Protein backbone atom coordinates (compact mmCIF):
# COMPACT_ATOMS: atom_id res chain seq x y z
CA MET A 1 0.00 0.00 0.00
CA ALA A 2 2.80 2.44 0.83
CA ILE A 3 4.44 1.74 -2.53
CA GLU A 4 1.19 2.52 -4.32
CA ARG A 5 0.98 5.86 -2.51
CA VAL A 6 4.58 6.74 -3.42
CA ASP A 7 3.86 5.82 -7.04
CA ARG A 8 0.77 8.06 -7.05
CA HIS A 9 2.78 10.90 -5.52
CA ARG A 10 5.57 10.46 -8.08
CA GLU A 11 2.97 10.34 -10.86
CA LYS A 12 1.39 13.54 -9.51
CA MET A 13 4.77 15.27 -9.57
CA ASN A 14 5.55 13.99 -13.07
CA ASN A 15 2.19 15.29 -14.28
CA MET A 16 2.84 18.68 -12.68
CA VAL A 17 6.29 18.90 -14.32
CA ASN A 18 4.78 17.93 -17.67
CA ASP A 19 1.94 20.45 -17.40
CA GLU A 20 4.13 23.37 -16.28
CA ILE A 21 6.85 22.86 -18.89
CA THR A 22 4.26 22.30 -21.62
CA ARG A 23 2.51 25.55 -20.67
CA MET A 24 5.85 27.34 -20.76
CA PHE A 25 6.83 26.20 -24.22
CA GLU A 26 3.31 26.81 -25.56
CA LYS A 27 3.69 30.45 -24.42
CA VAL A 28 7.13 30.62 -26.03
CA LEU A 29 5.61 29.33 -29.27
CA ASP A 30 2.88 31.97 -29.11
CA TYR A 31 5.54 34.69 -28.82
CA ALA A 32 7.69 33.09 -31.50
CA GLU A 33 4.77 32.98 -33.95
CA VAL A 34 4.44 36.75 -33.63
CA ALA A 35 8.21 37.36 -33.75
CA VAL A 36 8.93 35.11 -36.75
CA PRO A 37 6.76 36.24 -39.66
CA ASN A 38 8.09 33.64 -42.11
CA GLY A 39 5.98 30.47 -41.88
CA ASP A 40 8.79 28.07 -42.83
CA GLN A 41 11.18 29.57 -40.30
CA TYR A 42 8.49 29.43 -37.63
CA LYS A 43 7.83 25.73 -38.33
CA LYS A 44 11.53 24.94 -37.96
CA LEU A 45 11.74 26.95 -34.73
CA ARG A 46 8.55 25.34 -33.42
CA SER A 47 9.84 21.81 -33.97
CA LYS A 48 13.10 22.67 -32.17
CA ILE A 49 11.26 24.24 -29.22
CA LEU A 50 8.94 21.23 -28.94
CA ARG A 51 11.88 18.82 -29.10
CA VAL A 52 13.84 20.67 -26.42
CA GLY A 53 10.75 21.02 -24.19
CA ASN A 54 9.81 17.36 -24.48
CA ASN A 55 13.41 16.26 -23.86
CA CYS A 56 13.45 18.50 -20.78
CA ILE A 57 10.28 16.86 -19.46
CA ARG A 58 11.66 13.37 -20.08
CA ASN A 59 15.01 14.18 -18.42
CA ILE A 60 13.37 15.65 -15.31
CA GLN A 61 10.95 12.74 -15.02
CA LYS A 62 13.77 10.22 -15.47
CA ASP A 63 15.77 11.96 -12.73
CA ILE A 64 12.74 11.96 -10.41
CA GLU A 65 12.21 8.23 -11.01
CA LYS A 66 15.87 7.41 -10.41
CA ASN A 67 16.92 9.73 -7.59
CA TYR A 68 13.92 10.89 -5.57
CA ASP A 69 11.39 9.57 -3.13
CA VAL A 70 8.31 11.71 -3.65
CA LYS A 71 5.71 12.42 -1.02
CA TYR A 72 2.93 14.88 -1.73
CA ARG A 73 1.76 17.04 1.16
CA ALA A 74 -1.47 18.89 0.57
CA GLN A 75 -1.25 22.55 1.52
CA SER A 76 -4.69 22.69 3.06
CA GLU A 77 -8.11 21.18 2.90
CA THR A 78 -10.39 22.07 0.04
CA ILE A 79 -13.83 23.12 1.17
CA ILE A 80 -16.59 23.09 -1.39
CA GLU A 81 -19.82 24.83 -0.46
CA VAL A 82 -22.91 24.11 -2.51
CA LEU A 83 -25.63 26.74 -2.40
CA GLN A 84 -29.13 25.78 -3.43
CA LYS A 85 -31.22 28.33 -5.28
């Protein structure tokens, strides 16, 4: 059971890394599209940015798997209030 929890925590961290880095290089691509008016040049730049970003994600996730014990600690409780009309 403890191993399952650690795996879920590691998976949560891997997903967070993936989401954050993906958001970052999507923003970079948005800026690059405006900065590089030539469509062919933009496509080349885009493929390089995506390759570097995806390699970054894989390298971080590989390092997490190999070198870290991950334990997620929730910051606080989430309270959801439902109001009826």
